[in-house]
Protein backbone atom coordinates (compact mmCIF):
# COMPACT_ATOMS: atom_id res chain seq x y z
CA UNK A 1 -51.48 35.49 -10.50
CA UNK A 2 -48.33 35.46 -12.62
CA UNK A 3 -48.19 32.89 -15.37
CA UNK A 4 -45.07 31.24 -16.78
CA UNK A 5 -45.08 30.15 -20.38
CA UNK A 6 -42.64 27.54 -21.72
CA UNK A 7 -41.03 26.96 -18.34
CA UNK A 8 -40.95 23.64 -16.58
CA UNK A 9 -41.44 23.31 -12.89
CA UNK A 10 -38.32 23.16 -10.77
CA UNK A 11 -37.88 19.60 -9.60
CA UNK A 12 -36.40 18.82 -6.24
CA UNK A 13 -33.24 16.70 -6.32
CA UNK A 14 -33.95 13.02 -5.92
CA UNK A 15 -31.92 11.27 -3.26
CA UNK A 16 -30.16 8.27 -4.74
CA UNK A 17 -29.91 5.24 -2.50
CA UNK A 18 -26.54 3.53 -2.52
CA UNK A 19 -26.98 -0.25 -2.02
CA UNK A 20 -23.23 -0.67 -1.49
CA UNK A 21 -22.91 2.00 1.21
CA UNK A 22 -22.37 -0.71 3.82
CA UNK A 23 -18.88 -1.26 2.39
CA UNK A 24 -17.64 2.01 3.86
CA UNK A 25 -20.22 2.76 6.54
CA UNK A 26 -18.97 0.38 9.21
CA UNK A 27 -16.32 0.12 11.89
CA UNK A 28 -14.01 -2.10 9.82
CA UNK A 29 -13.81 0.29 6.88
CA UNK A 30 -13.36 3.26 9.22
CA UNK A 31 -10.25 1.55 10.57
CA UNK A 32 -8.92 0.31 7.22
CA UNK A 33 -9.05 3.81 5.74
CA UNK A 34 -6.84 5.08 8.59
CA UNK A 35 -8.61 8.36 9.41
CA UNK A 36 -7.33 10.93 11.90
CA UNK A 37 -5.22 9.67 14.78
CA UNK A 38 -5.44 6.08 13.53
CA UNK A 39 -3.18 7.12 10.65
CA UNK A 40 -0.32 7.88 13.04
CA UNK A 41 -0.75 4.50 14.70
CA UNK A 42 -0.61 2.93 11.26
CA UNK A 43 2.55 4.81 10.37
CA UNK A 44 4.26 3.61 13.54
CA UNK A 45 3.19 0.02 12.91
CA UNK A 46 4.22 0.27 9.25
CA UNK A 47 7.68 1.61 9.97
CA UNK A 48 8.28 -0.84 12.84
CA UNK A 49 7.30 -3.84 10.72
CA UNK A 50 9.48 -2.62 7.85
CA UNK A 51 12.31 -2.21 10.36
CA UNK A 52 12.02 -5.87 11.34
CA UNK A 53 13.03 -6.81 7.80
CA UNK A 54 15.78 -4.19 7.59
CA UNK A 55 17.51 -5.04 10.85
CA UNK A 56 17.30 -8.75 10.06
CA UNK A 57 19.09 -8.26 6.73
CA UNK A 58 21.75 -5.75 7.87
CA UNK A 59 25.11 -6.94 9.25
CA UNK A 60 25.35 -6.61 13.01
CA UNK A 61 28.52 -4.51 12.79
CA UNK A 62 26.96 -1.83 10.54
CA UNK A 63 27.25 1.77 11.68
CA UNK A 64 24.28 3.60 13.16
CA UNK A 65 24.11 6.03 10.23
CA UNK A 66 24.10 3.17 7.71
CA UNK A 67 21.31 1.41 9.60
CA UNK A 68 19.22 4.58 9.84
CA UNK A 69 19.53 5.54 6.17
CA UNK A 70 18.77 1.97 5.11
CA UNK A 71 15.77 2.03 7.43
CA UNK A 72 14.58 5.35 6.01
CA UNK A 73 14.87 4.20 2.39
CA UNK A 74 13.11 0.92 3.11
CA UNK A 75 10.15 2.72 4.72
CA UNK A 76 9.72 5.41 2.06
CA UNK A 77 11.28 3.96 -1.09
CA UNK A 78 8.11 4.11 -3.19
CA UNK A 79 7.16 7.47 -1.73
CA UNK A 80 10.53 8.83 -2.88
CA UNK A 81 10.74 7.36 -6.38
CA UNK A 82 7.21 7.94 -7.66
CA UNK A 83 6.98 11.67 -6.77
CA UNK A 84 10.33 12.14 -8.53
CA UNK A 85 8.88 10.44 -11.63
CA UNK A 86 5.85 12.75 -11.48
CA UNK A 87 7.84 15.91 -10.73
CA UNK A 88 6.50 16.11 -7.18
CA UNK A 89 7.81 16.29 -3.63
CA UNK A 90 8.94 12.98 -2.03
CA UNK A 91 6.82 11.80 0.87
CA UNK A 92 9.48 12.17 3.60
CA UNK A 93 9.82 15.85 2.66
CA UNK A 94 6.12 16.53 2.17
CA UNK A 95 4.76 14.92 5.34
CA UNK A 96 6.61 15.40 8.64
CA UNK A 97 4.63 12.57 10.24
CA UNK A 98 6.63 9.94 8.34
CA UNK A 99 10.08 11.06 9.58
CA UNK A 100 8.71 11.21 13.14
CA UNK A 101 7.35 7.65 12.86
CA UNK A 102 10.60 6.46 11.28
CA UNK A 103 12.74 7.98 14.04
CA UNK A 104 10.49 6.53 16.75
CA UNK A 105 10.55 3.05 15.19
CA UNK A 106 14.30 3.19 14.66
CA UNK A 107 14.83 4.02 18.33
CA UNK A 108 12.64 1.08 19.34
CA UNK A 109 14.63 -1.28 17.12
CA UNK A 110 18.01 0.11 18.15
CA UNK A 111 17.51 0.42 21.90
CA UNK A 112 14.94 -2.34 22.46
CA UNK A 113 15.80 -5.17 20.03
CA UNK A 114 13.80 -7.54 22.22
CA UNK A 115 10.64 -6.06 20.66
CA UNK A 116 11.80 -7.32 17.29
CA UNK A 117 12.26 -10.79 18.76
CA UNK A 118 8.78 -10.67 20.28
CA UNK A 119 7.31 -9.68 16.91
CA UNK A 120 9.08 -12.64 15.31
CA UNK A 121 7.83 -15.15 17.91
CA UNK A 122 4.34 -13.83 18.68
CA UNK A 123 1.82 -14.50 15.91
CA UNK A 124 -0.68 -12.11 17.49
CA UNK A 125 1.76 -9.20 17.45
CA UNK A 126 2.88 -10.11 13.94
CA UNK A 127 -0.71 -10.06 12.65
CA UNK A 128 -1.34 -6.67 14.29
CA UNK A 129 1.78 -5.21 12.67
CA UNK A 130 0.81 -6.70 9.31
CA UNK A 131 -2.62 -5.05 9.50
CA UNK A 132 -1.06 -1.63 10.12
CA UNK A 133 1.61 -2.23 7.49
CA UNK A 134 -0.80 -3.30 4.77
CA UNK A 135 -3.30 -0.51 5.52
CA UNK A 136 -0.62 2.11 4.96
CA UNK A 137 0.76 0.31 1.91
CA UNK A 138 -2.68 0.09 0.29
CA UNK A 139 -3.22 3.79 0.98
CA UNK A 140 0.09 4.61 -0.72
CA UNK A 141 -0.74 2.47 -3.77
CA UNK A 142 -4.15 4.13 -4.14
CA UNK A 143 -2.81 7.67 -3.76
CA UNK A 144 0.14 7.27 -6.12
CA UNK A 145 -1.84 5.37 -8.77
CA UNK A 146 -4.57 8.01 -8.69
CA UNK A 147 -2.03 10.84 -8.74
CA UNK A 148 -0.20 9.34 -11.70
CA UNK A 149 -3.47 8.87 -13.58
CA UNK A 150 -4.26 12.56 -13.09
CA UNK A 151 -0.80 13.84 -14.07
CA UNK A 152 0.07 11.61 -17.02
CA UNK A 153 -1.60 12.58 -20.29
CA UNK A 154 -3.35 9.86 -22.34
CA UNK A 155 -1.55 8.66 -25.46
CA UNK A 156 -2.93 5.56 -27.17
CA UNK A 157 -6.02 4.97 -25.03
CA UNK A 158 -8.61 7.32 -23.57
CA UNK A 159 -6.69 7.26 -20.29
CA UNK A 160 -3.05 6.59 -19.41
CA UNK A 161 -2.69 2.85 -18.90
CA UNK A 162 0.80 1.66 -18.06
CA UNK A 163 2.20 4.74 -16.34
CA UNK A 164 -0.19 4.84 -13.35
CA UNK A 165 0.02 1.07 -12.89
CA UNK A 166 3.82 1.26 -12.88
CA UNK A 167 3.80 4.14 -10.39
CA UNK A 168 1.32 2.38 -8.12
CA UNK A 169 3.40 -0.80 -8.19
CA UNK A 170 6.61 1.04 -7.33
CA UNK A 171 4.74 2.91 -4.59
CA UNK A 172 3.75 -0.37 -2.95
CA UNK A 173 7.09 -2.17 -3.18
CA UNK A 174 9.74 0.47 -3.93
CA UNK A 175 11.29 0.12 -0.49
CA UNK A 176 12.45 -3.38 -1.38
CA UNK A 177 14.69 -1.96 -4.12
CA UNK A 178 16.26 0.70 -1.92
CA UNK A 179 19.05 1.60 -1.85
CA UNK A 180 19.23 1.43 -5.63
CA UNK A 181 22.60 -0.27 -5.41
CA UNK A 182 20.63 -3.51 -4.97
CA UNK A 183 19.74 -3.39 -8.64
CA UNK A 184 17.41 -6.21 -9.67
CA UNK A 185 18.48 -8.54 -6.88
CA UNK A 186 15.04 -8.34 -5.15
CA UNK A 187 13.47 -10.12 -8.15
CA UNK A 188 16.39 -12.40 -8.96
CA UNK A 189 14.60 -15.43 -7.55
CA UNK A 190 11.13 -14.30 -8.56
CA UNK A 191 8.73 -11.59 -7.48
CA UNK A 192 7.99 -11.46 -3.78
CA UNK A 193 4.48 -11.17 -2.36
CA UNK A 194 4.64 -7.36 -1.82
CA UNK A 195 5.60 -6.85 -5.48
CA UNK A 196 2.84 -9.11 -6.76
CA UNK A 197 0.14 -7.61 -4.56
CA UNK A 198 1.21 -4.06 -5.37
CA UNK A 199 1.01 -4.76 -9.11
CA UNK A 200 -2.35 -6.53 -8.92
CA UNK A 201 -3.76 -3.84 -6.63
CA UNK A 202 -2.58 -0.94 -8.80
CA UNK A 203 -3.80 -2.62 -11.99
CA UNK A 204 -7.26 -3.49 -10.69
CA UNK A 205 -7.72 -0.10 -9.02
CA UNK A 206 -6.68 1.84 -12.13
CA UNK A 207 -8.87 -0.18 -14.50
CA UNK A 208 -11.82 0.03 -12.10
CA UNK A 209 -11.57 3.81 -11.72
CA UNK A 210 -11.39 4.33 -15.50
CA UNK A 211 -14.17 1.95 -16.51
CA UNK A 212 -17.93 2.13 -16.43
CA UNK A 213 -17.92 0.24 -13.12
CA UNK A 214 -16.09 3.05 -11.37
CA UNK A 215 -18.16 5.76 -13.02
CA UNK A 216 -21.43 4.21 -11.89
CA UNK A 217 -20.25 3.55 -8.34
CA UNK A 218 -20.72 6.08 -5.53
CA UNK A 219 -17.48 6.75 -3.60
CA UNK A 220 -15.68 4.43 -6.00
CA UNK A 221 -12.18 5.39 -4.85
CA UNK A 222 -12.93 4.80 -1.17
CA UNK A 223 -14.61 1.45 -1.77
CA UNK A 224 -11.77 0.31 -4.02
CA UNK A 225 -9.27 1.22 -1.30
CA UNK A 226 -11.18 -0.83 1.29
CA UNK A 227 -11.17 -3.90 -0.97
CA UNK A 228 -7.49 -3.45 -1.83
CA UNK A 229 -6.59 -3.14 1.86
CA UNK A 230 -8.43 -6.36 2.71
CA UNK A 231 -6.62 -8.09 -0.14
CA UNK A 232 -3.24 -6.81 1.04
CA UNK A 233 -3.92 -7.85 4.65
CA UNK A 234 -5.04 -11.33 3.62
CA UNK A 235 -2.03 -11.87 1.38
CA UNK A 236 0.33 -10.47 4.00
CA UNK A 237 -0.97 -12.75 6.76
CA UNK A 238 -0.90 -15.82 4.53
CA UNK A 239 2.65 -15.06 3.43
CA UNK A 240 3.98 -14.19 6.91
CA UNK A 241 2.45 -17.15 8.70
CA UNK A 242 3.21 -19.64 5.93
CA UNK A 243 -0.43 -20.54 5.33
CA UNK A 244 -0.14 -20.95 1.58
CA UNK A 245 -0.27 -24.40 0.04
CA UNK A 246 3.21 -25.72 -0.57
CA UNK A 247 3.91 -27.54 -3.79
CA UNK A 248 5.45 -30.89 -3.23
CA UNK A 249 7.47 -32.66 -5.84
CA UNK A 250 7.33 -36.41 -5.79
CA UNK A 251 10.43 -38.14 -7.00
CA UNK A 252 9.74 -41.54 -8.37
CA UNK A 253 12.60 -43.99 -8.39
CA UNK A 254 12.70 -46.81 -10.80
CA UNK A 255 13.49 -50.18 -9.35
CA UNK A 256 15.59 -52.38 -11.50
């Protein structure tokens, strides 16, 4: 029999149990992550819901070309700006699915404006559109924040801090600033809900992925995306349906 001196026995790999696997191994997470054909449904819902805001703000006598370009920029504003910052290809040029969804949604808005009125009146339809809209928006924030963290070199800290957070924030709300002729008007009266949620989501995701919590978590990126999506959906529904607590100011009058 052959003998081995100074060699340890080969140990079989130990299977590590993940106690948080339930976060991504269920029907809800499978939908929130928008896999396969569900992604195209999400794109259509995202672009249609964004179009509701665009067509509401545009003058009725605007030309078709002006409406379409405004619609395009509103749907892909963050996906255009951030890749330019990172020396990449803008989303509308890199993924043909987005232009197809944008054209389809634009035709629905232009030829069937009654659908926009139904979305404004029906809470059920509005919630469905918000779910699709926020799922896609969360996916964009995650992808662009992660991409920026990989492309930007660290400077002061062990990982780039402000750059990825800035890119993720712009990715989640850049459409509100497009066209750029708007300037800072979108934040003139304060930051809107999409801006706030995009910033909080990008900040928490980036810090989580670059801390010990993310390193010790299995499928950290996927689980973080699921939580961010739920946060976006909750904030979007509360904001759209006016469910937030309204601050009331009591004016006391002095009686002489």
